[in-house]
C-alpha cells in the first residue's frame, strides 16, 4: 500500500458507476474508502 493507492476508489469514482453496477474489491481493503462507499450506498 502506498499513498498513491490508498483510497484509490473514492467518492468521484463511486459516483461515476451506474446504479446497477457491482463493485468487487479483490485488492487490499484500503484501496477502497469504505466510509465513502457506505455513504454512497445509503444515499443511492
PDB file of N, CA and C in Angstrom:
ATOM      1  N   UNK A   1       0.843  -1.166   0.000  1.00  0.00           N
ATOM      2  CA  UNK A   1       0.000   0.000   0.000  1.00  0.00           C
ATOM      3  C   UNK A   1       0.891   1.231   0.000  1.00  0.00           C
ATOM      4  N   UNK A   2       0.612   2.140  -0.918  1.00  0.00           N
ATOM      5  CA  UNK A   2       1.350   3.400  -0.986  1.00  0.00           C
ATOM      6  C   UNK A   2       0.362   4.551  -0.872  1.00  0.00           C
ATOM      7  N   UNK A   3       0.871   5.747  -0.737  1.00  0.00           N
ATOM      8  CA  UNK A   3      -0.015   6.910  -0.660  1.00  0.00           C
ATOM      9  C   UNK A   3      -0.777   7.110  -1.969  1.00  0.00           C
ATOM     10  N   UNK A   4      -0.221   6.613  -3.080  1.00  0.00           N
ATOM     11  CA  UNK A   4      -0.908   6.739  -4.371  1.00  0.00           C
ATOM     12  C   UNK A   4      -2.063   5.750  -4.517  1.00  0.00           C
ATOM     13  N   UNK A   5      -1.982   4.617  -3.836  1.00  0.00           N
ATOM     14  CA  UNK A   5      -3.029   3.602  -3.982  1.00  0.00           C
ATOM     15  C   UNK A   5      -4.031   3.603  -2.829  1.00  0.00           C
ATOM     16  N   UNK A   6      -3.703   4.243  -1.718  1.00  0.00           N
ATOM     17  CA  UNK A   6      -4.653   4.309  -0.598  1.00  0.00           C
ATOM     18  C   UNK A   6      -5.864   5.130  -1.037  1.00  0.00           C
ATOM     19  N   UNK A   7      -7.038   4.562  -0.861  1.00  0.00           N
ATOM     20  CA  UNK A   7      -8.313   5.199  -1.227  1.00  0.00           C
ATOM     21  C   UNK A   7      -8.352   5.594  -2.700  1.00  0.00           C
ATOM     22  N   UNK A   8      -7.810   4.738  -3.538  1.00  0.00           N
ATOM     23  CA  UNK A   8      -7.831   4.956  -4.983  1.00  0.00           C
ATOM     24  C   UNK A   8      -9.273   5.042  -5.491  1.00  0.00           C
ATOM     25  N   UNK A   9     -10.166   4.271  -4.876  1.00  0.00           N
ATOM     26  CA  UNK A   9     -11.591   4.328  -5.205  1.00  0.00           C
ATOM     27  C   UNK A   9     -12.264   5.172  -4.133  1.00  0.00           C
ATOM     28  N   UNK A  10     -12.721   6.342  -4.528  1.00  0.00           N
ATOM     29  CA  UNK A  10     -13.343   7.275  -3.593  1.00  0.00           C
ATOM     30  C   UNK A  10     -14.681   7.763  -4.112  1.00  0.00           C
ATOM     31  N   UNK A  11     -15.096   8.888  -3.612  1.00  0.00           N
ATOM     32  CA  UNK A  11     -16.413   9.437  -3.934  1.00  0.00           C
ATOM     33  C   UNK A  11     -16.604   9.667  -5.432  1.00  0.00           C
ATOM     34  N   UNK A  12     -15.633  10.266  -6.084  1.00  0.00           N
ATOM     35  CA  UNK A  12     -15.769  10.565  -7.510  1.00  0.00           C
ATOM     36  C   UNK A  12     -15.938   9.287  -8.329  1.00  0.00           C
ATOM     37  N   UNK A  13     -15.133   8.282  -8.036  1.00  0.00           N
ATOM     38  CA  UNK A  13     -15.199   7.023  -8.785  1.00  0.00           C
ATOM     39  C   UNK A  13     -16.524   6.313  -8.531  1.00  0.00           C
ATOM     40  N   UNK A  14     -17.004   6.350  -7.301  1.00  0.00           N
ATOM     41  CA  UNK A  14     -18.278   5.710  -6.983  1.00  0.00           C
ATOM     42  C   UNK A  14     -19.438   6.417  -7.670  1.00  0.00           C
ATOM     43  N   UNK A  15     -19.394   7.731  -7.755  1.00  0.00           N
ATOM     44  CA  UNK A  15     -20.459   8.489  -8.423  1.00  0.00           C
ATOM     45  C   UNK A  15     -20.496   8.214  -9.921  1.00  0.00           C
ATOM     46  N   UNK A  16     -19.367   7.826 -10.497  1.00  0.00           N
ATOM     47  CA  UNK A  16     -19.312   7.542 -11.932  1.00  0.00           C
ATOM     48  C   UNK A  16     -19.930   6.184 -12.274  1.00  0.00           C
ATOM     49  N   UNK A  17     -20.127   5.338 -11.270  1.00  0.00           N
ATOM     50  CA  UNK A  17     -20.661   3.998 -11.508  1.00  0.00           C
ATOM     51  C   UNK A  17     -22.169   4.049 -11.737  1.00  0.00           C
ATOM     52  N   UNK A  18     -22.662   3.162 -12.589  1.00  0.00           N
ATOM     53  CA  UNK A  18     -24.101   3.031 -12.785  1.00  0.00           C
ATOM     54  C   UNK A  18     -24.719   2.467 -11.515  1.00  0.00           C
ATOM     55  N   UNK A  19     -25.981   2.771 -11.281  1.00  0.00           N
ATOM     56  CA  UNK A  19     -26.687   2.270 -10.099  1.00  0.00           C
ATOM     57  C   UNK A  19     -26.744   0.746 -10.082  1.00  0.00           C
ATOM     58  N   UNK A  20     -26.686   0.117 -11.248  1.00  0.00           N
ATOM     59  CA  UNK A  20     -26.789  -1.342 -11.343  1.00  0.00           C
ATOM     60  C   UNK A  20     -25.425  -2.039 -11.326  1.00  0.00           C
ATOM     61  N   UNK A  21     -24.354  -1.272 -11.179  1.00  0.00           N
ATOM     62  CA  UNK A  21     -23.002  -1.842 -11.215  1.00  0.00           C
ATOM     63  C   UNK A  21     -22.687  -2.620  -9.942  1.00  0.00           C
ATOM     64  N   UNK A  22     -21.783  -3.559 -10.067  1.00  0.00           N
ATOM     65  CA  UNK A  22     -21.248  -4.307  -8.928  1.00  0.00           C
ATOM     66  C   UNK A  22     -19.812  -3.851  -8.708  1.00  0.00           C
ATOM     67  N   UNK A  23     -19.438  -3.726  -7.470  1.00  0.00           N
ATOM     68  CA  UNK A  23     -18.061  -3.391  -7.122  1.00  0.00           C
ATOM     69  C   UNK A  23     -17.468  -4.582  -6.380  1.00  0.00           C
ATOM     70  N   UNK A  24     -16.471  -5.199  -6.972  1.00  0.00           N
ATOM     71  CA  UNK A  24     -15.808  -6.345  -6.362  1.00  0.00           C
ATOM     72  C   UNK A  24     -14.372  -5.939  -6.071  1.00  0.00           C
ATOM     73  N   UNK A  25     -14.056  -5.804  -4.814  1.00  0.00           N
ATOM     74  CA  UNK A  25     -12.726  -5.376  -4.396  1.00  0.00           C
ATOM     75  C   UNK A  25     -11.874  -6.609  -4.117  1.00  0.00           C
ATOM     76  N   UNK A  26     -10.962  -6.922  -5.016  1.00  0.00           N
ATOM     77  CA  UNK A  26     -10.069  -8.069  -4.830  1.00  0.00           C
ATOM     78  C   UNK A  26      -8.689  -7.634  -4.344  1.00  0.00           C
ATOM     79  N   UNK A  27      -8.544  -6.357  -4.065  1.00  0.00           N
ATOM     80  CA  UNK A  27      -7.257  -5.837  -3.599  1.00  0.00           C
ATOM     81  C   UNK A  27      -7.311  -5.627  -2.090  1.00  0.00           C
ATOM     82  N   UNK A  28      -6.295  -5.011  -1.576  1.00  0.00           N
ATOM     83  CA  UNK A  28      -6.283  -4.675  -0.154  1.00  0.00           C
ATOM     84  C   UNK A  28      -7.431  -3.726   0.153  1.00  0.00           C
ATOM     85  N   UNK A  29      -7.968  -3.854   1.333  1.00  0.00           N
ATOM     86  CA  UNK A  29      -9.132  -3.070   1.720  1.00  0.00           C
ATOM     87  C   UNK A  29      -8.953  -1.569   1.622  1.00  0.00           C
ATOM     88  N   UNK A  30      -7.775  -1.067   1.923  1.00  0.00           N
ATOM     89  CA  UNK A  30      -7.569   0.380   1.969  1.00  0.00           C
ATOM     90  C   UNK A  30      -7.558   1.036   0.592  1.00  0.00           C
ATOM     91  N   UNK A  31      -7.612   0.247  -0.480  1.00  0.00           N
ATOM     92  CA  UNK A  31      -7.710   0.844  -1.815  1.00  0.00           C
ATOM     93  C   UNK A  31      -9.085   1.491  -1.981  1.00  0.00           C
ATOM     94  N   UNK A  32     -10.052   0.964  -1.282  1.00  0.00           N
ATOM     95  CA  UNK A  32     -11.427   1.458  -1.332  1.00  0.00           C
ATOM     96  C   UNK A  32     -11.723   2.201  -0.042  1.00  0.00           C
ATOM     97  N   UNK A  33     -12.207   3.420  -0.160  1.00  0.00           N
ATOM     98  CA  UNK A  33     -12.596   4.203   1.013  1.00  0.00           C
ATOM     99  C   UNK A  33     -13.956   3.682   1.482  1.00  0.00           C
ATOM    100  N   UNK A  34     -13.952   2.842   2.510  1.00  0.00           N
ATOM    101  CA  UNK A  34     -15.173   2.165   2.953  1.00  0.00           C
ATOM    102  C   UNK A  34     -16.215   3.127   3.503  1.00  0.00           C
ATOM    103  N   UNK A  35     -15.809   4.187   4.180  1.00  0.00           N
ATOM    104  CA  UNK A  35     -16.772   5.165   4.692  1.00  0.00           C
ATOM    105  C   UNK A  35     -17.513   5.837   3.546  1.00  0.00           C
ATOM    106  N   UNK A  36     -16.790   6.173   2.496  1.00  0.00           N
ATOM    107  CA  UNK A  36     -17.405   6.787   1.325  1.00  0.00           C
ATOM    108  C   UNK A  36     -18.332   5.799   0.631  1.00  0.00           C
ATOM    109  N   UNK A  37     -17.940   4.534   0.559  1.00  0.00           N
ATOM    110  CA  UNK A  37     -18.793   3.504  -0.033  1.00  0.00           C
ATOM    111  C   UNK A  37     -20.094   3.375   0.751  1.00  0.00           C
ATOM    112  N   UNK A  38     -20.020   3.323   2.054  1.00  0.00           N
ATOM    113  CA  UNK A  38     -21.228   3.217   2.880  1.00  0.00           C
ATOM    114  C   UNK A  38     -22.146   4.412   2.671  1.00  0.00           C
ATOM    115  N   UNK A  39     -21.573   5.599   2.613  1.00  0.00           N
ATOM    116  CA  UNK A  39     -22.371   6.803   2.391  1.00  0.00           C
ATOM    117  C   UNK A  39     -23.034   6.764   1.018  1.00  0.00           C
ATOM    118  N   UNK A  40     -22.303   6.325   0.005  1.00  0.00           N
ATOM    119  CA  UNK A  40     -22.855   6.239  -1.352  1.00  0.00           C
ATOM    120  C   UNK A  40     -23.998   5.232  -1.413  1.00  0.00           C
ATOM    121  N   UNK A  41     -23.876   4.126  -0.705  1.00  0.00           N
ATOM    122  CA  UNK A  41     -24.943   3.123  -0.691  1.00  0.00           C
ATOM    123  C   UNK A  41     -26.187   3.645   0.023  1.00  0.00           C
ATOM    124  N   UNK A  42     -26.007   4.387   1.094  1.00  0.00           N
ATOM    125  CA  UNK A  42     -27.150   4.954   1.823  1.00  0.00           C
ATOM    126  C   UNK A  42     -27.861   6.022   0.998  1.00  0.00           C
ATOM    127  N   UNK A  43     -27.093   6.856   0.312  1.00  0.00           N
ATOM    128  CA  UNK A  43     -27.663   7.982  -0.423  1.00  0.00           C
ATOM    129  C   UNK A  43     -28.183   7.596  -1.799  1.00  0.00           C
ATOM    130  N   UNK A  44     -27.737   6.437  -2.289  1.00  0.00           N
ATOM    131  CA  UNK A  44     -28.199   5.977  -3.599  1.00  0.00           C
ATOM    132  C   UNK A  44     -27.462   6.635  -4.665  1.00  0.00           C
TER     133      UNK A  44
END
